Amino acid sequence: LSCAASVRTSAFEDYTVGWFRQAHGKEREFVAALSG
C-alpha cells in the first residue's frame, strides 16, 4: 500500500506516519508507525 501526502506547512519529514486497519464490525487498530 502507498499513501501520498500533501503538506501545506512545514515538511513531510516533520510528521510521524502510520497505518491502521479496521475489520468489519471491529475498532480501528494500530498496525505500524515510522518516525520522520
PDB file of all heavy atoms in Angstrom:
ATOM      1  N   LEU A   1       0.847  -1.186   0.000  1.00  0.00           N
ATOM      2  CA  LEU A   1       0.000   0.000   0.000  1.00  0.00           C
ATOM      3  C   LEU A   1       0.887   1.241   0.000  1.00  0.00           C
ATOM      4  O   LEU A   1       1.953   1.247   0.603  1.00  0.00           O
ATOM      5  CB  LEU A   1      -0.899   0.017   1.235  1.00  0.00           C
ATOM      6  CG  LEU A   1      -1.805  -1.188   1.445  1.00  0.00           C
ATOM      7  CD1 LEU A   1      -2.613  -1.017   2.728  1.00  0.00           C
ATOM      8  CD2 LEU A   1      -2.717  -1.400   0.256  1.00  0.00           C
ATOM      9  N   SER A   2       0.418   2.266  -0.665  1.00  0.00           N
ATOM     10  CA  SER A   2       1.124   3.538  -0.637  1.00  0.00           C
ATOM     11  C   SER A   2       0.163   4.659  -0.278  1.00  0.00           C
ATOM     12  O   SER A   2      -1.054   4.513  -0.400  1.00  0.00           O
ATOM     13  CB  SER A   2       1.791   3.823  -1.986  1.00  0.00           C
ATOM     14  OG  SER A   2       0.820   3.917  -3.003  1.00  0.00           O
ATOM     15  N   CYS A   3       0.731   5.745   0.165  1.00  0.00           N
ATOM     16  CA  CYS A   3      -0.072   6.880   0.610  1.00  0.00           C
ATOM     17  C   CYS A   3       0.703   8.145   0.282  1.00  0.00           C
ATOM     18  O   CYS A   3       1.855   8.290   0.709  1.00  0.00           O
ATOM     19  CB  CYS A   3      -0.341   6.761   2.108  1.00  0.00           C
ATOM     20  SG  CYS A   3      -1.268   8.109   2.830  1.00  0.00           S
ATOM     21  N   ALA A   4       0.084   9.022  -0.470  1.00  0.00           N
ATOM     22  CA  ALA A   4       0.718  10.280  -0.868  1.00  0.00           C
ATOM     23  C   ALA A   4       0.250  11.405   0.040  1.00  0.00           C
ATOM     24  O   ALA A   4      -0.953  11.554   0.275  1.00  0.00           O
ATOM     25  CB  ALA A   4       0.382  10.594  -2.314  1.00  0.00           C
ATOM     26  N   ALA A   5       1.201  12.171   0.530  1.00  0.00           N
ATOM     27  CA  ALA A   5       0.887  13.273   1.433  1.00  0.00           C
ATOM     28  C   ALA A   5       0.999  14.620   0.727  1.00  0.00           C
ATOM     29  O   ALA A   5       1.900  14.826  -0.099  1.00  0.00           O
ATOM     30  CB  ALA A   5       1.836  13.252   2.630  1.00  0.00           C
ATOM     31  N   SER A   6       0.081  15.488   1.046  1.00  0.00           N
ATOM     32  CA  SER A   6       0.143  16.870   0.603  1.00  0.00           C
ATOM     33  C   SER A   6       0.274  17.729   1.848  1.00  0.00           C
ATOM     34  O   SER A   6      -0.668  17.838   2.631  1.00  0.00           O
ATOM     35  CB  SER A   6      -1.112  17.235  -0.184  1.00  0.00           C
ATOM     36  OG  SER A   6      -1.098  18.601  -0.539  1.00  0.00           O
ATOM     37  N   VAL A   7       1.456  18.310   2.034  1.00  0.00           N
ATOM     38  CA  VAL A   7       1.761  19.042   3.253  1.00  0.00           C
ATOM     39  C   VAL A   7       1.738  20.530   2.959  1.00  0.00           C
ATOM     40  O   VAL A   7       2.502  21.014   2.122  1.00  0.00           O
ATOM     41  CB  VAL A   7       3.137  18.639   3.808  1.00  0.00           C
ATOM     42  CG1 VAL A   7       3.421  19.379   5.103  1.00  0.00           C
ATOM     43  CG2 VAL A   7       3.208  17.136   4.016  1.00  0.00           C
ATOM     44  N   ARG A   8       0.871  21.266   3.666  1.00  0.00           N
ATOM     45  CA  ARG A   8       0.717  22.693   3.372  1.00  0.00           C
ATOM     46  C   ARG A   8       1.724  23.542   4.136  1.00  0.00           C
ATOM     47  O   ARG A   8       2.154  24.584   3.644  1.00  0.00           O
ATOM     48  CB  ARG A   8      -0.693  23.145   3.720  1.00  0.00           C
ATOM     49  CG  ARG A   8      -1.760  22.523   2.834  1.00  0.00           C
ATOM     50  CD  ARG A   8      -3.103  23.185   3.021  1.00  0.00           C
ATOM     51  NE  ARG A   8      -4.103  22.652   2.116  1.00  0.00           N
ATOM     52  CZ  ARG A   8      -5.340  23.131   2.024  1.00  0.00           C
ATOM     53  NH1 ARG A   8      -5.715  24.123   2.778  1.00  0.00           N
ATOM     54  NH2 ARG A   8      -6.201  22.587   1.179  1.00  0.00           N
ATOM     55  N   THR A   9       2.040  23.125   5.335  1.00  0.00           N
ATOM     56  CA  THR A   9       3.023  23.873   6.114  1.00  0.00           C
ATOM     57  C   THR A   9       4.059  22.889   6.619  1.00  0.00           C
ATOM     58  O   THR A   9       3.829  21.693   6.668  1.00  0.00           O
ATOM     59  CB  THR A   9       2.368  24.586   7.316  1.00  0.00           C
ATOM     60  OG1 THR A   9       1.724  23.598   8.127  1.00  0.00           O
ATOM     61  CG2 THR A   9       1.343  25.588   6.844  1.00  0.00           C
ATOM     62  N   SER A  10       5.204  23.369   6.988  1.00  0.00           N
ATOM     63  CA  SER A  10       6.345  22.572   7.436  1.00  0.00           C
ATOM     64  C   SER A  10       6.737  21.574   6.354  1.00  0.00           C
ATOM     65  O   SER A  10       6.551  21.826   5.163  1.00  0.00           O
ATOM     66  CB  SER A  10       6.039  21.883   8.780  1.00  0.00           C
ATOM     67  OG  SER A  10       5.041  20.921   8.651  1.00  0.00           O
ATOM     68  N   ALA A  11       7.258  20.443   6.748  1.00  0.00           N
ATOM     69  CA  ALA A  11       7.750  19.469   5.789  1.00  0.00           C
ATOM     70  C   ALA A  11       7.281  18.078   6.160  1.00  0.00           C
ATOM     71  O   ALA A  11       6.993  17.792   7.332  1.00  0.00           O
ATOM     72  CB  ALA A  11       9.276  19.508   5.743  1.00  0.00           C
ATOM     73  N   PHE A  12       7.182  17.225   5.184  1.00  0.00           N
ATOM     74  CA  PHE A  12       6.686  15.873   5.415  1.00  0.00           C
ATOM     75  C   PHE A  12       7.521  15.157   6.473  1.00  0.00           C
ATOM     76  O   PHE A  12       7.004  14.409   7.301  1.00  0.00           O
ATOM     77  CB  PHE A  12       6.705  15.098   4.097  1.00  0.00           C
ATOM     78  CG  PHE A  12       6.153  13.705   4.187  1.00  0.00           C
ATOM     79  CD1 PHE A  12       4.873  13.471   4.659  1.00  0.00           C
ATOM     80  CD2 PHE A  12       6.915  12.616   3.790  1.00  0.00           C
ATOM     81  CE1 PHE A  12       4.354  12.179   4.732  1.00  0.00           C
ATOM     82  CE2 PHE A  12       6.418  11.322   3.855  1.00  0.00           C
ATOM     83  CZ  PHE A  12       5.132  11.104   4.330  1.00  0.00           C
ATOM     84  N   GLU A  13       8.820  15.371   6.472  1.00  0.00           N
ATOM     85  CA  GLU A  13       9.679  14.680   7.438  1.00  0.00           C
ATOM     86  C   GLU A  13       9.462  15.160   8.870  1.00  0.00           C
ATOM     87  O   GLU A  13      10.000  14.568   9.806  1.00  0.00           O
ATOM     88  CB  GLU A  13      11.152  14.826   7.065  1.00  0.00           C
ATOM     89  CG  GLU A  13      11.609  16.247   6.873  1.00  0.00           C
ATOM     90  CD  GLU A  13      11.632  16.626   5.405  1.00  0.00           C
ATOM     91  OE1 GLU A  13      10.726  16.195   4.661  1.00  0.00           O
ATOM     92  OE2 GLU A  13      12.554  17.350   5.004  1.00  0.00           O
ATOM     93  N   ASP A  14       8.688  16.210   9.070  1.00  0.00           N
ATOM     94  CA  ASP A  14       8.334  16.654  10.419  1.00  0.00           C
ATOM     95  C   ASP A  14       7.205  15.821  11.022  1.00  0.00           C
ATOM     96  O   ASP A  14       6.876  15.986  12.193  1.00  0.00           O
ATOM     97  CB  ASP A  14       7.885  18.121  10.398  1.00  0.00           C
ATOM     98  CG  ASP A  14       9.020  19.066  10.059  1.00  0.00           C
ATOM     99  OD1 ASP A  14      10.197  18.704  10.293  1.00  0.00           O
ATOM    100  OD2 ASP A  14       8.731  20.172   9.550  1.00  0.00           O
ATOM    101  N   TYR A  15       6.653  14.926  10.230  1.00  0.00           N
ATOM    102  CA  TYR A  15       5.494  14.141  10.657  1.00  0.00           C
ATOM    103  C   TYR A  15       5.872  12.677  10.855  1.00  0.00           C
ATOM    104  O   TYR A  15       6.549  12.076  10.022  1.00  0.00           O
ATOM    105  CB  TYR A  15       4.374  14.214   9.623  1.00  0.00           C
ATOM    106  CG  TYR A  15       3.754  15.584   9.517  1.00  0.00           C
ATOM    107  CD1 TYR A  15       4.359  16.595   8.766  1.00  0.00           C
ATOM    108  CD2 TYR A  15       2.551  15.869  10.164  1.00  0.00           C
ATOM    109  CE1 TYR A  15       3.793  17.850   8.681  1.00  0.00           C
ATOM    110  CE2 TYR A  15       1.976  17.117  10.069  1.00  0.00           C
ATOM    111  CZ  TYR A  15       2.601  18.099   9.335  1.00  0.00           C
ATOM    112  OH  TYR A  15       2.029  19.343   9.247  1.00  0.00           O
ATOM    113  N   THR A  16       5.394  12.129  11.946  1.00  0.00           N
ATOM    114  CA  THR A  16       5.390  10.686  12.106  1.00  0.00           C
ATOM    115  C   THR A  16       4.246  10.136  11.255  1.00  0.00           C
ATOM    116  O   THR A  16       3.165  10.722  11.222  1.00  0.00           O
ATOM    117  CB  THR A  16       5.176  10.303  13.574  1.00  0.00           C
ATOM    118  OG1 THR A  16       6.268  10.809  14.358  1.00  0.00           O
ATOM    119  CG2 THR A  16       5.094   8.790  13.746  1.00  0.00           C
ATOM    120  N   VAL A  17       4.493   9.031  10.571  1.00  0.00           N
ATOM    121  CA  VAL A  17       3.440   8.438   9.737  1.00  0.00           C
ATOM    122  C   VAL A  17       3.070   7.072  10.284  1.00  0.00           C
ATOM    123  O   VAL A  17       3.859   6.432  10.986  1.00  0.00           O
ATOM    124  CB  VAL A  17       3.882   8.322   8.267  1.00  0.00           C
ATOM    125  CG1 VAL A  17       4.120   9.708   7.675  1.00  0.00           C
ATOM    126  CG2 VAL A  17       5.104   7.438   8.110  1.00  0.00           C
ATOM    127  N   GLY A  18       1.875   6.648   9.965  1.00  0.00           N
ATOM    128  CA  GLY A  18       1.410   5.376  10.491  1.00  0.00           C
ATOM    129  C   GLY A  18       0.387   4.715   9.589  1.00  0.00           C
ATOM    130  O   GLY A  18      -0.064   5.292   8.586  1.00  0.00           O
ATOM    131  N   TRP A  19       0.059   3.493   9.955  1.00  0.00           N
ATOM    132  CA  TRP A  19      -1.003   2.722   9.295  1.00  0.00           C
ATOM    133  C   TRP A  19      -1.872   2.073  10.365  1.00  0.00           C
ATOM    134  O   TRP A  19      -1.363   1.557  11.364  1.00  0.00           O
ATOM    135  CB  TRP A  19      -0.406   1.634   8.402  1.00  0.00           C
ATOM    136  CG  TRP A  19       0.266   2.167   7.185  1.00  0.00           C
ATOM    137  CD1 TRP A  19       1.582   2.533   7.068  1.00  0.00           C
ATOM    138  CD2 TRP A  19      -0.329   2.415   5.909  1.00  0.00           C
ATOM    139  NE1 TRP A  19       1.829   2.987   5.802  1.00  0.00           N
ATOM    140  CE2 TRP A  19       0.688   2.919   5.064  1.00  0.00           C
ATOM    141  CE3 TRP A  19      -1.615   2.255   5.391  1.00  0.00           C
ATOM    142  CZ2 TRP A  19       0.443   3.271   3.744  1.00  0.00           C
ATOM    143  CZ3 TRP A  19      -1.855   2.598   4.083  1.00  0.00           C
ATOM    144  CH2 TRP A  19      -0.830   3.105   3.258  1.00  0.00           C
ATOM    145  N   PHE A  20      -3.157   2.125  10.130  1.00  0.00           N
ATOM    146  CA  PHE A  20      -4.146   1.452  10.966  1.00  0.00           C
ATOM    147  C   PHE A  20      -5.001   0.591  10.060  1.00  0.00           C
ATOM    148  O   PHE A  20      -5.000   0.731   8.839  1.00  0.00           O
ATOM    149  CB  PHE A  20      -5.039   2.487  11.669  1.00  0.00           C
ATOM    150  CG  PHE A  20      -4.397   3.139  12.860  1.00  0.00           C
ATOM    151  CD1 PHE A  20      -3.387   4.079  12.714  1.00  0.00           C
ATOM    152  CD2 PHE A  20      -4.818   2.831  14.146  1.00  0.00           C
ATOM    153  CE1 PHE A  20      -2.791   4.688  13.809  1.00  0.00           C
ATOM    154  CE2 PHE A  20      -4.245   3.437  15.252  1.00  0.00           C
ATOM    155  CZ  PHE A  20      -3.232   4.364  15.082  1.00  0.00           C
ATOM    156  N   ARG A  21      -5.767  -0.275  10.679  1.00  0.00           N
ATOM    157  CA  ARG A  21      -6.733  -1.064   9.917  1.00  0.00           C
ATOM    158  C   ARG A  21      -7.988  -1.259  10.744  1.00  0.00           C
ATOM    159  O   ARG A  21      -7.956  -1.198  11.976  1.00  0.00           O
ATOM    160  CB  ARG A  21      -6.129  -2.405   9.509  1.00  0.00           C
ATOM    161  CG  ARG A  21      -5.869  -3.365  10.649  1.00  0.00           C
ATOM    162  CD  ARG A  21      -5.148  -4.608  10.122  1.00  0.00           C
ATOM    163  NE  ARG A  21      -4.965  -5.617  11.162  1.00  0.00           N
ATOM    164  CZ  ARG A  21      -4.306  -6.749  10.984  1.00  0.00           C
ATOM    165  NH1 ARG A  21      -3.746  -7.022   9.793  1.00  0.00           N
ATOM    166  NH2 ARG A  21      -4.180  -7.619  11.955  1.00  0.00           N
ATOM    167  N   GLN A  22      -9.073  -1.500  10.017  1.00  0.00           N
ATOM    168  CA  GLN A  22     -10.357  -1.713  10.678  1.00  0.00           C
ATOM    169  C   GLN A  22     -11.110  -2.809   9.958  1.00  0.00           C
ATOM    170  O   GLN A  22     -11.515  -2.659   8.800  1.00  0.00           O
ATOM    171  CB  GLN A  22     -11.170  -0.420  10.692  1.00  0.00           C
ATOM    172  CG  GLN A  22     -12.425  -0.502  11.512  1.00  0.00           C
ATOM    173  CD  GLN A  22     -13.040   0.871  11.763  1.00  0.00           C
ATOM    174  OE1 GLN A  22     -12.712   1.857  11.105  1.00  0.00           O
ATOM    175  NE2 GLN A  22     -13.928   0.953  12.734  1.00  0.00           N
ATOM    176  N   ALA A  23     -11.257  -3.910  10.648  1.00  0.00           N
ATOM    177  CA  ALA A  23     -12.041  -5.014  10.105  1.00  0.00           C
ATOM    178  C   ALA A  23     -13.521  -4.737  10.347  1.00  0.00           C
ATOM    179  O   ALA A  23     -13.885  -3.959  11.242  1.00  0.00           O
ATOM    180  CB  ALA A  23     -11.612  -6.319  10.760  1.00  0.00           C
ATOM    181  N   HIS A  24     -14.343  -5.403   9.575  1.00  0.00           N
ATOM    182  CA  HIS A  24     -15.788  -5.182   9.673  1.00  0.00           C
ATOM    183  C   HIS A  24     -16.282  -5.480  11.082  1.00  0.00           C
ATOM    184  O   HIS A  24     -16.025  -6.551  11.633  1.00  0.00           O
ATOM    185  CB  HIS A  24     -16.514  -6.069   8.668  1.00  0.00           C
ATOM    186  CG  HIS A  24     -17.997  -5.895   8.663  1.00  0.00           C
ATOM    187  ND1 HIS A  24     -18.609  -4.719   8.256  1.00  0.00           N
ATOM    188  CD2 HIS A  24     -18.989  -6.722   9.052  1.00  0.00           C
ATOM    189  CE1 HIS A  24     -19.907  -4.846   8.372  1.00  0.00           C
ATOM    190  NE2 HIS A  24     -20.164  -6.058   8.857  1.00  0.00           N
ATOM    191  N   GLY A  25     -16.950  -4.520  11.679  1.00  0.00           N
ATOM    192  CA  GLY A  25     -17.518  -4.715  12.997  1.00  0.00           C
ATOM    193  C   GLY A  25     -16.543  -4.569  14.144  1.00  0.00           C
ATOM    194  O   GLY A  25     -16.904  -4.809  15.310  1.00  0.00           O
ATOM    195  N   LYS A  26     -15.315  -4.169  13.839  1.00  0.00           N
ATOM    196  CA  LYS A  26     -14.307  -4.025  14.879  1.00  0.00           C
ATOM    197  C   LYS A  26     -13.781  -2.592  14.929  1.00  0.00           C
ATOM    198  O   LYS A  26     -14.001  -1.807  14.015  1.00  0.00           O
ATOM    199  CB  LYS A  26     -13.154  -5.005  14.644  1.00  0.00           C
ATOM    200  CG  LYS A  26     -13.553  -6.469  14.751  1.00  0.00           C
ATOM    201  CD  LYS A  26     -12.341  -7.362  14.666  1.00  0.00           C
ATOM    202  CE  LYS A  26     -12.727  -8.824  14.858  1.00  0.00           C
ATOM    203  NZ  LYS A  26     -11.557  -9.739  14.791  1.00  0.00           N
ATOM    204  N   GLU A  27     -13.078  -2.300  16.006  1.00  0.00           N
ATOM    205  CA  GLU A  27     -12.489  -0.977  16.145  1.00  0.00           C
ATOM    206  C   GLU A  27     -11.235  -0.850  15.273  1.00  0.00           C
ATOM    207  O   GLU A  27     -10.602  -1.839  14.918  1.00  0.00           O
ATOM    208  CB  GLU A  27     -12.129  -0.728  17.615  1.00  0.00           C
ATOM    209  CG  GLU A  27     -13.336  -0.606  18.534  1.00  0.00           C
ATOM    210  CD  GLU A  27     -12.945  -0.198  19.941  1.00  0.00           C
ATOM    211  OE1 GLU A  27     -11.733  -0.086  20.218  1.00  0.00           O
ATOM    212  OE2 GLU A  27     -13.853   0.014  20.761  1.00  0.00           O
ATOM    213  N   ARG A  28     -10.899   0.391  14.973  1.00  0.00           N
ATOM    214  CA  ARG A  28      -9.682   0.653  14.216  1.00  0.00           C
ATOM    215  C   ARG A  28      -8.478   0.310  15.089  1.00  0.00           C
ATOM    216  O   ARG A  28      -8.406   0.723  16.254  1.00  0.00           O
ATOM    217  CB  ARG A  28      -9.636   2.119  13.792  1.00  0.00           C
ATOM    218  CG  ARG A  28      -8.572   2.436  12.771  1.00  0.00           C
ATOM    219  CD  ARG A  28      -8.776   3.829  12.194  1.00  0.00           C
ATOM    220  NE  ARG A  28     -10.043   3.953  11.481  1.00  0.00           N
ATOM    221  CZ  ARG A  28     -10.369   4.999  10.736  1.00  0.00           C
ATOM    222  NH1 ARG A  28      -9.510   6.023  10.615  1.00  0.00           N
ATOM    223  NH2 ARG A  28     -11.540   5.040  10.127  1.00  0.00           N
ATOM    224  N   GLU A  29      -7.538  -0.433  14.529  1.00  0.00           N
ATOM    225  CA  GLU A  29      -6.397  -0.868  15.321  1.00  0.00           C
ATOM    226  C   GLU A  29      -5.081  -0.452  14.669  1.00  0.00           C
ATOM    227  O   GLU A  29      -4.955  -0.383  13.449  1.00  0.00           O
ATOM    228  CB  GLU A  29      -6.403  -2.396  15.519  1.00  0.00           C
ATOM    229  CG  GLU A  29      -6.217  -3.193  14.253  1.00  0.00           C
ATOM    230  CD  GLU A  29      -6.052  -4.676  14.529  1.00  0.00           C
ATOM    231  OE1 GLU A  29      -6.080  -5.109  15.697  1.00  0.00           O
ATOM    232  OE2 GLU A  29      -5.868  -5.420  13.534  1.00  0.00           O
ATOM    233  N   PHE A  30      -4.115  -0.190  15.500  1.00  0.00           N
ATOM    234  CA  PHE A  30      -2.787   0.221  15.086  1.00  0.00           C
ATOM    235  C   PHE A  30      -2.078  -0.920  14.356  1.00  0.00           C
ATOM    236  O   PHE A  30      -2.176  -2.085  14.752  1.00  0.00           O
ATOM    237  CB  PHE A  30      -1.988   0.626  16.325  1.00  0.00           C
ATOM    238  CG  PHE A  30      -0.537   0.885  16.067  1.00  0.00           C
ATOM    239  CD1 PHE A  30      -0.115   2.085  15.531  1.00  0.00           C
ATOM    240  CD2 PHE A  30       0.416  -0.077  16.373  1.00  0.00           C
ATOM    241  CE1 PHE A  30       1.227   2.329  15.298  1.00  0.00           C
ATOM    242  CE2 PHE A  30       1.759   0.148  16.158  1.00  0.00           C
ATOM    243  CZ  PHE A  30       2.171   1.352  15.619  1.00  0.00           C
ATOM    244  N   VAL A  31      -1.362  -0.561  13.289  1.00  0.00           N
ATOM    245  CA  VAL A  31      -0.566  -1.534  12.557  1.00  0.00           C
ATOM    246  C   VAL A  31       0.924  -1.196  12.670  1.00  0.00           C
ATOM    247  O   VAL A  31       1.736  -2.031  13.054  1.00  0.00           O
ATOM    248  CB  VAL A  31      -0.978  -1.591  11.073  1.00  0.00           C
ATOM    249  CG1 VAL A  31      -0.048  -2.514  10.293  1.00  0.00           C
ATOM    250  CG2 VAL A  31      -2.426  -2.042  10.940  1.00  0.00           C
ATOM    251  N   ALA A  32       1.288   0.036  12.308  1.00  0.00           N
ATOM    252  CA  ALA A  32       2.699   0.417  12.302  1.00  0.00           C
ATOM    253  C   ALA A  32       2.830   1.926  12.311  1.00  0.00           C
ATOM    254  O   ALA A  32       1.920   2.647  11.899  1.00  0.00           O
ATOM    255  CB  ALA A  32       3.403  -0.164  11.085  1.00  0.00           C
ATOM    256  N   ALA A  33       3.995   2.388  12.771  1.00  0.00           N
ATOM    257  CA  ALA A  33       4.315   3.809  12.752  1.00  0.00           C
ATOM    258  C   ALA A  33       5.795   3.959  12.426  1.00  0.00           C
ATOM    259  O   ALA A  33       6.604   3.072  12.706  1.00  0.00           O
ATOM    260  CB  ALA A  33       3.992   4.471  14.085  1.00  0.00           C
ATOM    261  N   LEU A  34       6.142   5.111  11.850  1.00  0.00           N
ATOM    262  CA  LEU A  34       7.520   5.353  11.449  1.00  0.00           C
ATOM    263  C   LEU A  34       7.869   6.806  11.715  1.00  0.00           C
ATOM    264  O   LEU A  34       7.114   7.713  11.378  1.00  0.00           O
ATOM    265  CB  LEU A  34       7.687   5.034   9.962  1.00  0.00           C
ATOM    266  CG  LEU A  34       9.102   5.123   9.392  1.00  0.00           C
ATOM    267  CD1 LEU A  34      10.005   4.075  10.040  1.00  0.00           C
ATOM    268  CD2 LEU A  34       9.066   4.923   7.880  1.00  0.00           C
ATOM    269  N   SER A  35       9.048   7.019  12.286  1.00  0.00           N
ATOM    270  CA  SER A  35       9.496   8.362  12.609  1.00  0.00           C
ATOM    271  C   SER A  35       9.756   9.185  11.352  1.00  0.00           C
ATOM    272  O   SER A  35       9.861   8.644  10.245  1.00  0.00           O
ATOM    273  CB  SER A  35      10.771   8.288  13.450  1.00  0.00           C
ATOM    274  OG  SER A  35      11.800   7.638  12.718  1.00  0.00           O
ATOM    275  N   GLY A  36       9.873  10.473  11.542  1.00  0.00           N
ATOM    276  CA  GLY A  36      10.078  11.384  10.429  1.00  0.00           C
ATOM    277  C   GLY A  36      11.309  11.095   9.600  1.00  0.00           C
ATOM    278  O   GLY A  36      11.297  11.276   8.371  1.00  0.00           O
TER     279      GLY A  36
END
